């Protein structure tokens, strides 16, 4: 189980592979909302 803090919310993932897939989806959504801003 991997626990990661995203935007002040602690989220747990069953595996690193699933975590990366979810983070990739979140990053795509973020980039669409704030174009030109760097995502940290």
C-alpha atoms as a PDB file:
ATOM      1  CA  UNK A   1       0.000   0.000   0.000  1.00  0.00           C
ATOM      2  CA  UNK A   2       1.373   3.372  -1.031  1.00  0.00           C
ATOM      3  CA  UNK A   3       0.190   6.522   0.750  1.00  0.00           C
ATOM      4  CA  UNK A   4       0.643   9.857  -0.978  1.00  0.00           C
ATOM      5  CA  UNK A   5      -0.511  13.384  -0.174  1.00  0.00           C
ATOM      6  CA  UNK A   6      -2.177  15.107  -3.109  1.00  0.00           C
ATOM      7  CA  UNK A   7      -3.455  18.690  -2.736  1.00  0.00           C
ATOM      8  CA  UNK A   8      -3.611  18.319   1.043  1.00  0.00           C
ATOM      9  CA  UNK A   9      -5.531  15.031   0.847  1.00  0.00           C
ATOM     10  CA  UNK A  10      -3.901  11.776   1.895  1.00  0.00           C
ATOM     11  CA  UNK A  11      -4.704   9.054  -0.610  1.00  0.00           C
ATOM     12  CA  UNK A  12      -3.679   5.402  -0.455  1.00  0.00           C
ATOM     13  CA  UNK A  13      -3.026   3.236  -3.509  1.00  0.00           C
ATOM     14  CA  UNK A  14      -2.793  -0.562  -3.620  1.00  0.00           C
ATOM     15  CA  UNK A  15       0.292  -0.429  -5.858  1.00  0.00           C
ATOM     16  CA  UNK A  16       2.766   1.951  -7.453  1.00  0.00           C
ATOM     17  CA  UNK A  17       1.495   1.058 -10.943  1.00  0.00           C
ATOM     18  CA  UNK A  18      -2.065   2.108 -10.060  1.00  0.00           C
ATOM     19  CA  UNK A  19      -0.765   5.253  -8.336  1.00  0.00           C
ATOM     20  CA  UNK A  20       1.111   6.289 -11.496  1.00  0.00           C
ATOM     21  CA  UNK A  21      -1.940   5.658 -13.686  1.00  0.00           C
ATOM     22  CA  UNK A  22      -4.159   7.777 -11.427  1.00  0.00           C
ATOM     23  CA  UNK A  23      -1.573  10.550 -11.125  1.00  0.00           C
ATOM     24  CA  UNK A  24      -1.150  10.606 -14.908  1.00  0.00           C
ATOM     25  CA  UNK A  25      -4.905  11.093 -15.295  1.00  0.00           C
ATOM     26  CA  UNK A  26      -4.920  13.853 -12.672  1.00  0.00           C
ATOM     27  CA  UNK A  27      -1.974  15.581 -14.336  1.00  0.00           C
ATOM     28  CA  UNK A  28      -3.733  15.552 -17.711  1.00  0.00           C
ATOM     29  CA  UNK A  29      -6.816  17.162 -16.145  1.00  0.00           C
ATOM     30  CA  UNK A  30      -4.672  19.753 -14.330  1.00  0.00           C
ATOM     31  CA  UNK A  31      -2.824  20.693 -17.513  1.00  0.00           C
ATOM     32  CA  UNK A  32      -6.119  21.261 -19.288  1.00  0.00           C
ATOM     33  CA  UNK A  33      -7.323  23.578 -16.491  1.00  0.00           C
ATOM     34  CA  UNK A  34      -4.142  25.598 -15.976  1.00  0.00           C
ATOM     35  CA  UNK A  35      -2.272  25.784 -19.231  1.00  0.00           C
ATOM     36  CA  UNK A  36       1.216  27.192 -18.963  1.00  0.00           C
ATOM     37  CA  UNK A  37       1.449  26.694 -15.194  1.00  0.00           C
ATOM     38  CA  UNK A  38       3.930  24.214 -13.843  1.00  0.00           C
ATOM     39  CA  UNK A  39       2.479  21.307 -11.877  1.00  0.00           C
ATOM     40  CA  UNK A  40       4.410  20.317  -8.766  1.00  0.00           C
END
